[in-house]
Amino acid sequence: MTGIVGIGNLLLKDEGFGIHFIDYLRKKYTFDPNIRVIDGSTLGYGLLDDIFNFDNVIVIDALKTDEKPGGIFKFDSENIPVNLMKKTAHDVEFIDVITMCKLQGHNPKIIIFAISPEDAEGVGMDISLPLKKAIPRLEALVLEEIKILDLKWSINTNMQENYANGTA
């Protein structure tokens, strides 16, 4: 089983990017039954039961960096730069969830896509324009990871029509 998990705080602008991205995927695609798409919000250890059921996990999150907003970084659980893991609005960082899984003997393959936010501290439920513009690039990266796992997806017919009409 594979999980695609969006993490973030929806109330703190770009910090909620992972949740916005998961919502986008849910509306646009129907995924193979072996894929679960999860709004991980700020659940922290509340995600442990889900993670224990996955062999593969694709995580989407915002990561405070000095890089240009909208920059996308790819990590796996073995190469997350410690100096980039700054505390955010999450009660527990996802790296802590990964560590807890390993301590309990479960070590799924984890891919993390992190996007550099423009504003992850201001209050608001919308994401910035640089992050909105980055969605198609990230979408392609996530779909490529799913393809590598030999899993399938299809575009929802109503979304395909909405995109053709410019109303999505």
C-alpha atoms as a PDB file:
ATOM      1  CA  MET A   1       0.000   0.000   0.000  1.00  0.00           C
ATOM      2  CA  THR A   2       1.197   3.509  -0.834  1.00  0.00           C
ATOM      3  CA  GLY A   3       0.225   6.723   0.915  1.00  0.00           C
ATOM      4  CA  ILE A   4       0.352  10.259  -0.416  1.00  0.00           C
ATOM      5  CA  VAL A   5       0.263  12.506   2.637  1.00  0.00           C
ATOM      6  CA  GLY A   6      -0.096  16.275   2.648  1.00  0.00           C
ATOM      7  CA  ILE A   7       1.111  17.970   5.809  1.00  0.00           C
ATOM      8  CA  GLY A   8       0.615  21.507   7.046  1.00  0.00           C
ATOM      9  CA  ASN A   9      -1.465  24.021   8.920  1.00  0.00           C
ATOM     10  CA  LEU A  10      -4.234  25.294   6.671  1.00  0.00           C
ATOM     11  CA  LEU A  11      -4.587  28.494   8.738  1.00  0.00           C
ATOM     12  CA  LEU A  12      -1.014  29.704   8.132  1.00  0.00           C
ATOM     13  CA  LYS A  13      -0.987  30.505   4.410  1.00  0.00           C
ATOM     14  CA  ASP A  14       1.840  28.606   2.631  1.00  0.00           C
ATOM     15  CA  GLU A  15       2.359  26.343   5.666  1.00  0.00           C
ATOM     16  CA  GLY A  16      -0.864  24.645   4.484  1.00  0.00           C
ATOM     17  CA  PHE A  17       0.489  23.858   1.013  1.00  0.00           C
ATOM     18  CA  GLY A  18       0.517  20.078   1.569  1.00  0.00           C
ATOM     19  CA  ILE A  19      -3.200  20.115   2.359  1.00  0.00           C
ATOM     20  CA  HIS A  20      -4.014  22.289  -0.671  1.00  0.00           C
ATOM     21  CA  PHE A  21      -2.014  19.939  -2.884  1.00  0.00           C
ATOM     22  CA  ILE A  22      -3.798  16.845  -1.534  1.00  0.00           C
ATOM     23  CA  ASP A  23      -7.157  18.529  -2.187  1.00  0.00           C
ATOM     24  CA  TYR A  24      -6.023  19.271  -5.751  1.00  0.00           C
ATOM     25  CA  LEU A  25      -5.009  15.622  -6.312  1.00  0.00           C
ATOM     26  CA  ARG A  26      -8.297  14.312  -4.894  1.00  0.00           C
ATOM     27  CA  LYS A  27     -10.320  16.524  -7.216  1.00  0.00           C
ATOM     28  CA  LYS A  28      -8.285  15.866 -10.341  1.00  0.00           C
ATOM     29  CA  TYR A  29      -7.457  12.141 -10.084  1.00  0.00           C
ATOM     30  CA  THR A  30      -8.811   8.746  -9.219  1.00  0.00           C
ATOM     31  CA  PHE A  31      -5.964   6.583  -7.950  1.00  0.00           C
ATOM     32  CA  ASP A  32      -5.260   2.866  -7.927  1.00  0.00           C
ATOM     33  CA  PRO A  33      -6.974   1.196  -4.914  1.00  0.00           C
ATOM     34  CA  ASN A  34      -3.481   0.564  -3.489  1.00  0.00           C
ATOM     35  CA  ILE A  35      -2.988   4.323  -3.025  1.00  0.00           C
ATOM     36  CA  ARG A  36      -4.444   6.313  -0.132  1.00  0.00           C
ATOM     37  CA  VAL A  37      -4.432  10.104  -0.394  1.00  0.00           C
ATOM     38  CA  ILE A  38      -4.377  11.611   3.101  1.00  0.00           C
ATOM     39  CA  ASP A  39      -4.788  15.112   4.497  1.00  0.00           C
ATOM     40  CA  GLY A  40      -2.241  14.772   7.301  1.00  0.00           C
ATOM     41  CA  SER A  41      -2.781  18.333   8.461  1.00  0.00           C
ATOM     42  CA  THR A  42      -0.902  18.743  11.766  1.00  0.00           C
ATOM     43  CA  LEU A  43      -1.708  15.238  13.016  1.00  0.00           C
ATOM     44  CA  GLY A  44       1.903  14.333  13.848  1.00  0.00           C
ATOM     45  CA  TYR A  45       1.898  11.025  15.733  1.00  0.00           C
ATOM     46  CA  GLY A  46      -1.764  10.659  14.750  1.00  0.00           C
ATOM     47  CA  LEU A  47      -0.417   9.522  11.358  1.00  0.00           C
ATOM     48  CA  LEU A  48       1.470   6.549  12.816  1.00  0.00           C
ATOM     49  CA  ASP A  49      -1.335   4.021  12.228  1.00  0.00           C
ATOM     50  CA  ASP A  50      -1.551   5.089   8.589  1.00  0.00           C
ATOM     51  CA  ILE A  51       2.213   5.041   8.067  1.00  0.00           C
ATOM     52  CA  PHE A  52       2.437   1.547   9.578  1.00  0.00           C
ATOM     53  CA  ASN A  53       0.091   0.321   6.822  1.00  0.00           C
ATOM     54  CA  PHE A  54       2.221   1.723   3.993  1.00  0.00           C
ATOM     55  CA  ASP A  55       5.180   0.215   2.190  1.00  0.00           C
ATOM     56  CA  ASN A  56       5.723   3.539   0.385  1.00  0.00           C
ATOM     57  CA  VAL A  57       4.919   7.063   1.531  1.00  0.00           C
ATOM     58  CA  ILE A  58       5.030  10.252  -0.549  1.00  0.00           C
ATOM     59  CA  VAL A  59       4.907  13.314   1.694  1.00  0.00           C
ATOM     60  CA  ILE A  60       4.098  16.868   0.594  1.00  0.00           C
ATOM     61  CA  ASP A  61       5.019  19.707   2.951  1.00  0.00           C
ATOM     62  CA  ALA A  62       6.269  23.280   3.105  1.00  0.00           C
ATOM     63  CA  LEU A  63       9.808  23.719   4.379  1.00  0.00           C
ATOM     64  CA  LYS A  64      11.208  27.054   5.513  1.00  0.00           C
ATOM     65  CA  THR A  65      14.384  27.759   3.569  1.00  0.00           C
ATOM     66  CA  ASP A  66      16.254  30.751   2.231  1.00  0.00           C
ATOM     67  CA  GLU A  67      15.470  29.560  -1.299  1.00  0.00           C
ATOM     68  CA  LYS A  68      13.145  31.260  -3.756  1.00  0.00           C
ATOM     69  CA  PRO A  69       9.442  30.646  -2.952  1.00  0.00           C
ATOM     70  CA  GLY A  70       8.062  27.754  -4.991  1.00  0.00           C
ATOM     71  CA  GLY A  71      11.359  25.870  -5.073  1.00  0.00           C
ATOM     72  CA  ILE A  72      10.785  22.122  -4.768  1.00  0.00           C
ATOM     73  CA  PHE A  73      13.137  19.787  -2.903  1.00  0.00           C
ATOM     74  CA  LYS A  74      13.108  15.998  -2.888  1.00  0.00           C
ATOM     75  CA  PHE A  75      14.360  13.959   0.052  1.00  0.00           C
ATOM     76  CA  ASP A  76      14.025  10.444   1.323  1.00  0.00           C
ATOM     77  CA  SER A  77      14.039   9.418   4.959  1.00  0.00           C
ATOM     78  CA  GLU A  78      17.803   8.858   4.822  1.00  0.00           C
ATOM     79  CA  ASN A  79      18.875  12.256   3.464  1.00  0.00           C
ATOM     80  CA  ILE A  80      16.807  14.963   5.141  1.00  0.00           C
ATOM     81  CA  PRO A  81      19.228  17.784   5.981  1.00  0.00           C
ATOM     82  CA  VAL A  82      18.886  18.341   9.729  1.00  0.00           C
ATOM     83  CA  ASN A  83      19.561  22.068   9.373  1.00  0.00           C
ATOM     84  CA  LEU A  84      16.444  22.396   7.186  1.00  0.00           C
ATOM     85  CA  MET A  85      14.120  20.745   9.700  1.00  0.00           C
ATOM     86  CA  LYS A  86      13.027  23.847  11.579  1.00  0.00           C
ATOM     87  CA  LYS A  87      10.028  23.739  13.869  1.00  0.00           C
ATOM     88  CA  THR A  88       6.808  24.930  12.299  1.00  0.00           C
ATOM     89  CA  ALA A  89       3.185  25.017  13.391  1.00  0.00           C
ATOM     90  CA  HIS A  90       3.095  21.209  13.628  1.00  0.00           C
ATOM     91  CA  ASP A  91       2.965  19.741  17.127  1.00  0.00           C
ATOM     92  CA  VAL A  92       5.389  17.040  15.954  1.00  0.00           C
ATOM     93  CA  GLU A  93       7.524  17.189  12.830  1.00  0.00           C
ATOM     94  CA  PHE A  94       7.097  14.415  10.283  1.00  0.00           C
ATOM     95  CA  ILE A  95      10.747  13.476  10.829  1.00  0.00           C
ATOM     96  CA  ASP A  96       9.704  12.532  14.378  1.00  0.00           C
ATOM     97  CA  VAL A  97       6.985  10.270  12.952  1.00  0.00           C
ATOM     98  CA  ILE A  98       9.552   8.595  10.668  1.00  0.00           C
ATOM     99  CA  THR A  99      11.887   8.088  13.640  1.00  0.00           C
ATOM    100  CA  MET A 100       9.090   6.550  15.723  1.00  0.00           C
ATOM    101  CA  CYS A 101       8.256   4.138  12.879  1.00  0.00           C
ATOM    102  CA  LYS A 102      11.888   3.023  12.668  1.00  0.00           C
ATOM    103  CA  LEU A 103      12.086   2.550  16.430  1.00  0.00           C
ATOM    104  CA  GLN A 104       9.086   0.237  16.191  1.00  0.00           C
ATOM    105  CA  GLY A 105      10.618  -1.780  13.349  1.00  0.00           C
ATOM    106  CA  HIS A 106       8.686  -0.343  10.403  1.00  0.00           C
ATOM    107  CA  ASN A 107      10.765   1.297   7.691  1.00  0.00           C
ATOM    108  CA  PRO A 108       8.657   2.180   4.633  1.00  0.00           C
ATOM    109  CA  LYS A 109      10.233   3.816   1.600  1.00  0.00           C
ATOM    110  CA  ILE A 110       9.629   7.526   2.135  1.00  0.00           C
ATOM    111  CA  ILE A 111       9.890  10.304  -0.421  1.00  0.00           C
ATOM    112  CA  ILE A 112       9.397  13.861   0.785  1.00  0.00           C
ATOM    113  CA  PHE A 113       8.630  16.718  -1.577  1.00  0.00           C
ATOM    114  CA  ALA A 114       9.114  20.010   0.242  1.00  0.00           C
ATOM    115  CA  ILE A 115       8.280  23.388  -1.210  1.00  0.00           C
ATOM    116  CA  SER A 116       9.854  26.650  -0.155  1.00  0.00           C
ATOM    117  CA  PRO A 117       7.082  28.981   1.087  1.00  0.00           C
ATOM    118  CA  GLU A 118       6.723  32.688   0.566  1.00  0.00           C
ATOM    119  CA  ASP A 119       4.705  33.258   3.758  1.00  0.00           C
ATOM    120  CA  ALA A 120       4.262  30.411   6.250  1.00  0.00           C
ATOM    121  CA  GLU A 121       3.623  32.570   9.303  1.00  0.00           C
ATOM    122  CA  GLY A 122       0.853  34.957   8.303  1.00  0.00           C
ATOM    123  CA  VAL A 123      -2.728  33.979   9.023  1.00  0.00           C
ATOM    124  CA  GLY A 124      -4.799  33.057   5.994  1.00  0.00           C
ATOM    125  CA  MET A 125      -6.181  30.048   4.176  1.00  0.00           C
ATOM    126  CA  ASP A 126      -4.810  30.734   0.695  1.00  0.00           C
ATOM    127  CA  ILE A 127      -1.374  29.939  -0.680  1.00  0.00           C
ATOM    128  CA  SER A 128       0.901  32.437  -2.413  1.00  0.00           C
ATOM    129  CA  LEU A 129       1.170  32.783  -6.182  1.00  0.00           C
ATOM    130  CA  PRO A 130       4.661  31.198  -6.409  1.00  0.00           C
ATOM    131  CA  LEU A 131       3.312  28.059  -4.726  1.00  0.00           C
ATOM    132  CA  LYS A 132       0.211  27.987  -6.935  1.00  0.00           C
ATOM    133  CA  LYS A 133       2.490  28.182  -9.975  1.00  0.00           C
ATOM    134  CA  ALA A 134       4.605  25.296  -8.635  1.00  0.00           C
ATOM    135  CA  ILE A 135       1.665  22.868  -8.448  1.00  0.00           C
ATOM    136  CA  PRO A 136       2.041  21.499 -12.030  1.00  0.00           C
ATOM    137  CA  ARG A 137       5.763  20.789 -11.469  1.00  0.00           C
ATOM    138  CA  LEU A 138       5.081  19.028  -8.189  1.00  0.00           C
ATOM    139  CA  GLU A 139       2.153  17.152  -9.710  1.00  0.00           C
ATOM    140  CA  ALA A 140       4.462  15.757 -12.416  1.00  0.00           C
ATOM    141  CA  LEU A 141       7.034  14.715  -9.782  1.00  0.00           C
ATOM    142  CA  VAL A 142       4.445  12.926  -7.639  1.00  0.00           C
ATOM    143  CA  LEU A 143       2.931  11.143 -10.643  1.00  0.00           C
ATOM    144  CA  GLU A 144       6.418  10.017 -11.684  1.00  0.00           C
ATOM    145  CA  GLU A 145       6.953   8.479  -8.233  1.00  0.00           C
ATOM    146  CA  ILE A 146       3.617   6.654  -8.544  1.00  0.00           C
ATOM    147  CA  LYS A 147       4.597   5.432 -12.010  1.00  0.00           C
ATOM    148  CA  ILE A 148       7.894   4.058 -10.628  1.00  0.00           C
ATOM    149  CA  LEU A 149       5.826   2.022  -8.148  1.00  0.00           C
ATOM    150  CA  ASP A 150       3.846   0.632 -11.098  1.00  0.00           C
ATOM    151  CA  LEU A 151       0.596   2.102  -9.785  1.00  0.00           C
ATOM    152  CA  LYS A 152      -2.074   3.738 -11.937  1.00  0.00           C
ATOM    153  CA  TRP A 153      -4.275   6.802 -11.885  1.00  0.00           C
ATOM    154  CA  SER A 154      -6.838   8.449 -14.136  1.00  0.00           C
ATOM    155  CA  ILE A 155      -8.040  12.009 -14.548  1.00  0.00           C
ATOM    156  CA  ASN A 156     -11.557  12.560 -13.262  1.00  0.00           C
ATOM    157  CA  THR A 157     -13.789  13.330 -16.225  1.00  0.00           C
ATOM    158  CA  ASN A 158     -15.421  16.374 -14.622  1.00  0.00           C
ATOM    159  CA  MET A 159     -12.004  17.877 -13.817  1.00  0.00           C
ATOM    160  CA  GLN A 160     -10.805  17.273 -17.357  1.00  0.00           C
ATOM    161  CA  GLU A 161     -13.840  19.197 -18.621  1.00  0.00           C
ATOM    162  CA  ASN A 162     -13.276  21.968 -16.077  1.00  0.00           C
ATOM    163  CA  TYR A 163      -9.652  22.344 -17.175  1.00  0.00           C
ATOM    164  CA  ALA A 164     -10.709  22.473 -20.830  1.00  0.00           C
ATOM    165  CA  ASN A 165     -13.247  25.186 -19.947  1.00  0.00           C
ATOM    166  CA  GLY A 166     -10.822  27.061 -17.707  1.00  0.00           C
ATOM    167  CA  THR A 167     -13.096  26.692 -14.658  1.00  0.00           C
ATOM    168  CA  ALA A 168     -10.976  24.371 -12.499  1.00  0.00           C
END
